[in-house]
Amino acid sequence: MALEVKLDYDRGVPIYRQIFEAVVSALATGALDRGEQLPTIHELAARLEVNPNTVARAYRELEQDGYIAGKRGVGTFPAEAGDAPAPSAADRDHVLRGIFERAWAEAARHRIGLSELRAYFRKAQP
């Protein structure tokens, strides 16, 4: 499958971070297979109509965090599952805070209260 990135300029989240989140989400959901090559920086920048430096920053952070790995002369691929370091407690807290803030902001836009959001998350647990 091709990597799908949908940018929301009104979200208040930097574009490079939205690209980062899209790749992480695609890996987590299986929309991006472990052996599947990511688009080049210039391909993705052209497709999204953003500056290549923006995509390069997202890819650099994805590589630093162990999600992707560049292979010189070949391309950029998802890192092997065992290659990614376990996130620290601070990193996990940061990620969870971001998830919560995005969910809360989206719920507020639709006039959904915090108690209803909590109840839904409890009910939707796998």
N, C-alpha and C. Protein backbone atom coordinates (compact mmCIF):
# COMPACT_ATOMS: atom_id res chain seq x y z
N MET A 1 0.83 -1.19 0.00
CA MET A 1 0.00 0.00 0.00
C MET A 1 0.87 1.25 0.00
N ALA A 2 0.39 2.30 -0.60
CA ALA A 2 1.12 3.55 -0.60
C ALA A 2 0.87 4.30 0.70
N LEU A 3 1.84 5.07 1.11
CA LEU A 3 1.72 5.87 2.32
C LEU A 3 0.72 7.00 2.07
N GLU A 4 -0.30 7.08 2.92
CA GLU A 4 -1.30 8.14 2.83
C GLU A 4 -1.02 9.18 3.90
N VAL A 5 -0.85 10.42 3.47
CA VAL A 5 -0.63 11.51 4.40
C VAL A 5 -1.64 12.59 4.07
N LYS A 6 -2.47 12.93 5.05
CA LYS A 6 -3.45 14.00 4.88
C LYS A 6 -3.07 15.12 5.83
N LEU A 7 -2.77 16.27 5.26
CA LEU A 7 -2.35 17.40 6.07
C LEU A 7 -3.55 18.26 6.43
N ASP A 8 -3.52 18.76 7.65
CA ASP A 8 -4.57 19.66 8.13
C ASP A 8 -3.87 20.93 8.61
N TYR A 9 -3.94 21.97 7.79
CA TYR A 9 -3.24 23.21 8.10
C TYR A 9 -3.90 23.98 9.24
N ASP A 10 -5.13 23.63 9.59
CA ASP A 10 -5.85 24.32 10.66
C ASP A 10 -5.70 23.62 12.01
N ARG A 11 -4.98 22.53 12.04
CA ARG A 11 -4.87 21.71 13.25
C ARG A 11 -3.93 22.30 14.29
N GLY A 12 -3.05 23.18 13.89
CA GLY A 12 -2.10 23.76 14.84
C GLY A 12 -0.91 22.86 15.13
N VAL A 13 -0.73 21.83 14.31
CA VAL A 13 0.40 20.91 14.46
C VAL A 13 1.32 21.12 13.26
N PRO A 14 2.62 21.30 13.51
CA PRO A 14 3.54 21.52 12.38
C PRO A 14 3.43 20.41 11.33
N ILE A 15 3.64 20.78 10.09
CA ILE A 15 3.49 19.84 8.98
C ILE A 15 4.45 18.66 9.12
N TYR A 16 5.70 18.91 9.52
CA TYR A 16 6.64 17.80 9.66
C TYR A 16 6.13 16.80 10.69
N ARG A 17 5.47 17.31 11.73
CA ARG A 17 4.96 16.43 12.78
C ARG A 17 3.77 15.62 12.28
N GLN A 18 2.95 16.22 11.42
CA GLN A 18 1.82 15.48 10.84
C GLN A 18 2.33 14.36 9.94
N ILE A 19 3.41 14.61 9.22
CA ILE A 19 4.02 13.56 8.39
C ILE A 19 4.57 12.46 9.29
N PHE A 20 5.27 12.84 10.35
CA PHE A 20 5.79 11.89 11.33
C PHE A 20 4.66 11.01 11.86
N GLU A 21 3.58 11.64 12.30
CA GLU A 21 2.44 10.91 12.86
C GLU A 21 1.80 9.98 11.83
N ALA A 22 1.73 10.42 10.58
CA ALA A 22 1.13 9.60 9.52
C ALA A 22 1.94 8.33 9.29
N VAL A 23 3.26 8.45 9.31
CA VAL A 23 4.12 7.28 9.11
C VAL A 23 4.00 6.33 10.30
N VAL A 24 4.04 6.88 11.51
CA VAL A 24 3.91 6.04 12.71
C VAL A 24 2.57 5.32 12.71
N SER A 25 1.52 6.04 12.36
CA SER A 25 0.18 5.45 12.31
C SER A 25 0.11 4.35 11.24
N ALA A 26 0.69 4.61 10.08
CA ALA A 26 0.68 3.62 9.00
C ALA A 26 1.42 2.35 9.41
N LEU A 27 2.50 2.51 10.15
CA LEU A 27 3.24 1.35 10.64
C LEU A 27 2.43 0.59 11.69
N ALA A 28 1.79 1.34 12.58
CA ALA A 28 1.03 0.71 13.66
C ALA A 28 -0.19 -0.05 13.15
N THR A 29 -0.83 0.48 12.12
CA THR A 29 -2.04 -0.15 11.60
C THR A 29 -1.76 -1.19 10.53
N GLY A 30 -0.52 -1.28 10.07
CA GLY A 30 -0.20 -2.22 9.01
C GLY A 30 -0.46 -1.68 7.62
N ALA A 31 -0.86 -0.41 7.52
CA ALA A 31 -1.08 0.21 6.21
C ALA A 31 0.24 0.35 5.46
N LEU A 32 1.34 0.39 6.20
CA LEU A 32 2.68 0.43 5.62
C LEU A 32 3.38 -0.84 6.05
N ASP A 33 3.66 -1.71 5.10
CA ASP A 33 4.30 -2.99 5.40
C ASP A 33 5.76 -2.78 5.77
N ARG A 34 6.28 -3.68 6.57
CA ARG A 34 7.67 -3.57 7.03
C ARG A 34 8.69 -3.55 5.88
N GLY A 35 8.42 -4.24 4.81
CA GLY A 35 9.38 -4.27 3.71
C GLY A 35 9.11 -3.23 2.63
N GLU A 36 8.09 -2.42 2.83
CA GLU A 36 7.68 -1.46 1.80
C GLU A 36 8.51 -0.18 1.87
N GLN A 37 9.02 0.24 0.72
CA GLN A 37 9.83 1.44 0.65
C GLN A 37 8.97 2.69 0.81
N LEU A 38 9.43 3.63 1.62
CA LEU A 38 8.75 4.91 1.75
C LEU A 38 9.07 5.77 0.53
N PRO A 39 8.21 6.73 0.22
CA PRO A 39 8.53 7.64 -0.89
C PRO A 39 9.80 8.41 -0.56
N THR A 40 10.53 8.81 -1.59
CA THR A 40 11.70 9.65 -1.35
C THR A 40 11.24 10.98 -0.80
N ILE A 41 12.16 11.71 -0.23
CA ILE A 41 11.83 13.02 0.33
C ILE A 41 11.22 13.91 -0.75
N HIS A 42 11.83 13.91 -1.92
CA HIS A 42 11.33 14.79 -2.99
C HIS A 42 9.99 14.31 -3.55
N GLU A 43 9.78 13.01 -3.63
CA GLU A 43 8.48 12.49 -4.09
C GLU A 43 7.36 12.89 -3.13
N LEU A 44 7.60 12.68 -1.84
CA LEU A 44 6.56 13.01 -0.87
C LEU A 44 6.33 14.51 -0.78
N ALA A 45 7.40 15.29 -0.86
CA ALA A 45 7.25 16.75 -0.83
C ALA A 45 6.43 17.23 -2.02
N ALA A 46 6.69 16.67 -3.19
CA ALA A 46 5.94 17.06 -4.39
C ALA A 46 4.48 16.66 -4.26
N ARG A 47 4.23 15.45 -3.76
CA ARG A 47 2.86 14.97 -3.62
C ARG A 47 2.07 15.82 -2.63
N LEU A 48 2.72 16.22 -1.53
CA LEU A 48 2.05 17.00 -0.49
C LEU A 48 2.12 18.51 -0.74
N GLU A 49 2.92 18.89 -1.73
CA GLU A 49 3.14 20.30 -2.06
C GLU A 49 3.70 21.06 -0.86
N VAL A 50 4.76 20.48 -0.28
CA VAL A 50 5.46 21.12 0.84
C VAL A 50 6.94 21.18 0.49
N ASN A 51 7.68 21.95 1.27
CA ASN A 51 9.12 22.07 1.08
C ASN A 51 9.79 20.74 1.41
N PRO A 52 10.74 20.30 0.59
CA PRO A 52 11.45 19.05 0.88
C PRO A 52 12.11 19.04 2.26
N ASN A 53 12.52 20.21 2.77
CA ASN A 53 13.12 20.26 4.10
C ASN A 53 12.13 19.83 5.18
N THR A 54 10.84 20.05 4.95
CA THR A 54 9.81 19.64 5.90
C THR A 54 9.75 18.12 5.97
N VAL A 55 9.76 17.47 4.83
CA VAL A 55 9.73 16.00 4.78
C VAL A 55 11.05 15.45 5.34
N ALA A 56 12.16 16.10 5.00
CA ALA A 56 13.46 15.65 5.50
C ALA A 56 13.48 15.68 7.03
N ARG A 57 12.90 16.72 7.63
CA ARG A 57 12.87 16.81 9.09
C ARG A 57 12.04 15.67 9.69
N ALA A 58 10.89 15.40 9.08
CA ALA A 58 10.06 14.30 9.57
C ALA A 58 10.81 12.97 9.46
N TYR A 59 11.43 12.72 8.32
CA TYR A 59 12.17 11.48 8.13
C TYR A 59 13.33 11.38 9.11
N ARG A 60 14.03 12.51 9.34
CA ARG A 60 15.16 12.51 10.27
C ARG A 60 14.69 12.12 11.68
N GLU A 61 13.56 12.71 12.11
CA GLU A 61 13.05 12.38 13.45
C GLU A 61 12.53 10.95 13.51
N LEU A 62 11.93 10.47 12.43
CA LEU A 62 11.47 9.08 12.39
C LEU A 62 12.66 8.12 12.50
N GLU A 63 13.76 8.48 11.84
CA GLU A 63 14.94 7.63 11.90
C GLU A 63 15.58 7.70 13.29
N GLN A 64 15.65 8.90 13.87
CA GLN A 64 16.21 9.04 15.22
C GLN A 64 15.40 8.26 16.25
N ASP A 65 14.09 8.20 16.05
CA ASP A 65 13.23 7.48 17.00
C ASP A 65 13.12 5.99 16.69
N GLY A 66 13.80 5.53 15.63
CA GLY A 66 13.87 4.11 15.33
C GLY A 66 12.72 3.55 14.52
N TYR A 67 11.91 4.42 13.90
CA TYR A 67 10.79 3.94 13.11
C TYR A 67 11.18 3.57 11.68
N ILE A 68 12.15 4.29 11.12
CA ILE A 68 12.57 4.03 9.75
C ILE A 68 14.09 3.96 9.69
N ALA A 69 14.58 3.41 8.60
CA ALA A 69 16.03 3.32 8.40
C ALA A 69 16.33 3.58 6.93
N GLY A 70 17.29 4.44 6.69
CA GLY A 70 17.72 4.71 5.33
C GLY A 70 18.79 3.73 4.91
N LYS A 71 18.67 3.25 3.69
CA LYS A 71 19.69 2.36 3.14
C LYS A 71 20.29 3.08 1.93
N ARG A 72 21.53 3.51 2.10
CA ARG A 72 22.20 4.32 1.07
C ARG A 72 22.11 3.66 -0.30
N GLY A 73 21.62 4.43 -1.26
CA GLY A 73 21.52 3.95 -2.63
C GLY A 73 20.30 3.08 -2.90
N VAL A 74 19.54 2.76 -1.86
CA VAL A 74 18.38 1.88 -2.03
C VAL A 74 17.08 2.61 -1.70
N GLY A 75 17.05 3.30 -0.56
CA GLY A 75 15.85 4.01 -0.16
C GLY A 75 15.64 3.99 1.34
N THR A 76 14.46 4.40 1.74
CA THR A 76 14.09 4.45 3.14
C THR A 76 12.99 3.43 3.40
N PHE A 77 13.17 2.65 4.46
CA PHE A 77 12.26 1.56 4.78
C PHE A 77 11.90 1.60 6.26
N PRO A 78 10.77 0.98 6.62
CA PRO A 78 10.47 0.84 8.05
C PRO A 78 11.60 0.04 8.71
N ALA A 79 11.95 0.44 9.92
CA ALA A 79 12.99 -0.28 10.67
C ALA A 79 12.46 -1.64 11.05
N GLU A 80 13.35 -2.58 11.23
CA GLU A 80 12.96 -3.90 11.70
C GLU A 80 12.37 -3.74 13.10
N ALA A 81 11.40 -4.55 13.42
CA ALA A 81 10.68 -4.43 14.69
C ALA A 81 11.62 -4.42 15.89
N GLY A 82 12.65 -5.22 15.86
CA GLY A 82 13.57 -5.30 16.98
C GLY A 82 14.58 -4.16 17.03
N ASP A 83 14.66 -3.37 15.96
CA ASP A 83 15.63 -2.29 15.91
C ASP A 83 15.20 -1.06 16.71
N ALA A 84 13.91 -0.86 16.85
CA ALA A 84 13.42 0.34 17.53
C ALA A 84 13.62 0.21 19.03
N PRO A 85 14.24 1.23 19.65
CA PRO A 85 14.43 1.16 21.08
C PRO A 85 13.10 1.31 21.82
N ALA A 86 13.00 0.71 22.98
CA ALA A 86 11.79 0.86 23.79
C ALA A 86 11.69 2.31 24.23
N PRO A 87 10.51 2.91 24.11
CA PRO A 87 10.39 4.32 24.49
C PRO A 87 10.52 4.49 26.01
N SER A 88 11.11 5.60 26.40
CA SER A 88 11.25 5.89 27.82
C SER A 88 9.89 6.29 28.39
N ALA A 89 9.79 6.34 29.69
CA ALA A 89 8.54 6.75 30.34
C ALA A 89 8.17 8.17 29.92
N ALA A 90 9.17 9.04 29.81
CA ALA A 90 8.91 10.43 29.40
C ALA A 90 8.40 10.47 27.96
N ASP A 91 8.99 9.64 27.07
CA ASP A 91 8.53 9.59 25.68
C ASP A 91 7.10 9.08 25.61
N ARG A 92 6.81 8.05 26.37
CA ARG A 92 5.45 7.49 26.38
C ARG A 92 4.45 8.52 26.89
N ASP A 93 4.83 9.26 27.93
CA ASP A 93 3.96 10.30 28.47
C ASP A 93 3.71 11.38 27.42
N HIS A 94 4.76 11.76 26.71
CA HIS A 94 4.64 12.77 25.66
C HIS A 94 3.69 12.30 24.56
N VAL A 95 3.83 11.07 24.14
CA VAL A 95 2.97 10.51 23.09
C VAL A 95 1.52 10.44 23.57
N LEU A 96 1.34 9.94 24.79
CA LEU A 96 -0.02 9.83 25.32
C LEU A 96 -0.67 11.21 25.49
N ARG A 97 0.10 12.19 25.92
CA ARG A 97 -0.43 13.54 26.05
C ARG A 97 -0.88 14.07 24.69
N GLY A 98 -0.08 13.83 23.67
CA GLY A 98 -0.45 14.28 22.32
C GLY A 98 -1.73 13.61 21.83
N ILE A 99 -1.84 12.31 22.08
CA ILE A 99 -3.05 11.57 21.69
C ILE A 99 -4.25 12.15 22.42
N PHE A 100 -4.10 12.36 23.71
CA PHE A 100 -5.21 12.90 24.50
C PHE A 100 -5.60 14.29 24.01
N GLU A 101 -4.61 15.16 23.80
CA GLU A 101 -4.91 16.53 23.38
C GLU A 101 -5.60 16.57 22.03
N ARG A 102 -5.18 15.71 21.11
CA ARG A 102 -5.83 15.68 19.79
C ARG A 102 -7.26 15.15 19.91
N ALA A 103 -7.44 14.09 20.72
CA ALA A 103 -8.78 13.53 20.89
C ALA A 103 -9.69 14.55 21.58
N TRP A 104 -9.17 15.22 22.59
CA TRP A 104 -9.96 16.20 23.33
C TRP A 104 -10.34 17.38 22.43
N ALA A 105 -9.40 17.87 21.65
CA ALA A 105 -9.67 18.99 20.74
C ALA A 105 -10.73 18.59 19.70
N GLU A 106 -10.59 17.40 19.16
CA GLU A 106 -11.56 16.93 18.16
C GLU A 106 -12.93 16.75 18.78
N ALA A 107 -12.98 16.20 19.98
CA ALA A 107 -14.26 16.02 20.68
C ALA A 107 -14.90 17.37 20.96
N ALA A 108 -14.10 18.32 21.43
CA ALA A 108 -14.63 19.65 21.74
C ALA A 108 -15.20 20.32 20.49
N ARG A 109 -14.56 20.11 19.35
CA ARG A 109 -15.08 20.67 18.09
C ARG A 109 -16.46 20.14 17.77
N HIS A 110 -16.74 18.94 18.21
CA HIS A 110 -18.04 18.32 17.94
C HIS A 110 -18.96 18.38 19.16
N ARG A 111 -18.58 19.21 20.12
CA ARG A 111 -19.36 19.42 21.35
C ARG A 111 -19.59 18.12 22.12
N ILE A 112 -18.53 17.33 22.20
CA ILE A 112 -18.55 16.10 22.99
C ILE A 112 -17.76 16.38 24.25
N GLY A 113 -18.36 16.14 25.40
CA GLY A 113 -17.72 16.43 26.67
C GLY A 113 -16.69 15.39 27.07
N LEU A 114 -15.87 15.76 28.05
CA LEU A 114 -14.81 14.87 28.52
C LEU A 114 -15.36 13.57 29.08
N SER A 115 -16.47 13.64 29.83
CA SER A 115 -17.03 12.42 30.42
C SER A 115 -17.51 11.46 29.33
N GLU A 116 -18.09 12.00 28.27
CA GLU A 116 -18.54 11.15 27.16
C GLU A 116 -17.36 10.54 26.42
N LEU A 117 -16.30 11.33 26.27
CA LEU A 117 -15.09 10.83 25.62
C LEU A 117 -14.46 9.71 26.45
N ARG A 118 -14.35 9.90 27.76
CA ARG A 118 -13.81 8.86 28.64
C ARG A 118 -14.64 7.58 28.56
N ALA A 119 -15.97 7.75 28.63
CA ALA A 119 -16.86 6.59 28.57
C ALA A 119 -16.67 5.83 27.27
N TYR A 120 -16.50 6.55 26.18
CA TYR A 120 -16.31 5.89 24.88
C TYR A 120 -14.99 5.11 24.87
N PHE A 121 -13.92 5.71 25.38
CA PHE A 121 -12.64 5.02 25.40
C PHE A 121 -12.70 3.76 26.25
N ARG A 122 -13.38 3.83 27.37
CA ARG A 122 -13.51 2.64 28.22
C ARG A 122 -14.29 1.55 27.50
N LYS A 123 -15.37 1.94 26.83
CA LYS A 123 -16.22 0.99 26.12
C LYS A 123 -15.50 0.39 24.91
N ALA A 124 -14.66 1.17 24.28
CA ALA A 124 -14.01 0.74 23.03
C ALA A 124 -12.73 -0.06 23.27
N GLN A 125 -12.36 -0.30 24.51
CA GLN A 125 -11.14 -1.05 24.77
C GLN A 125 -11.24 -2.44 24.17
N PRO A 126 -10.14 -2.88 23.51
CA PRO A 126 -10.16 -4.21 22.90
C PRO A 126 -10.11 -5.32 23.93
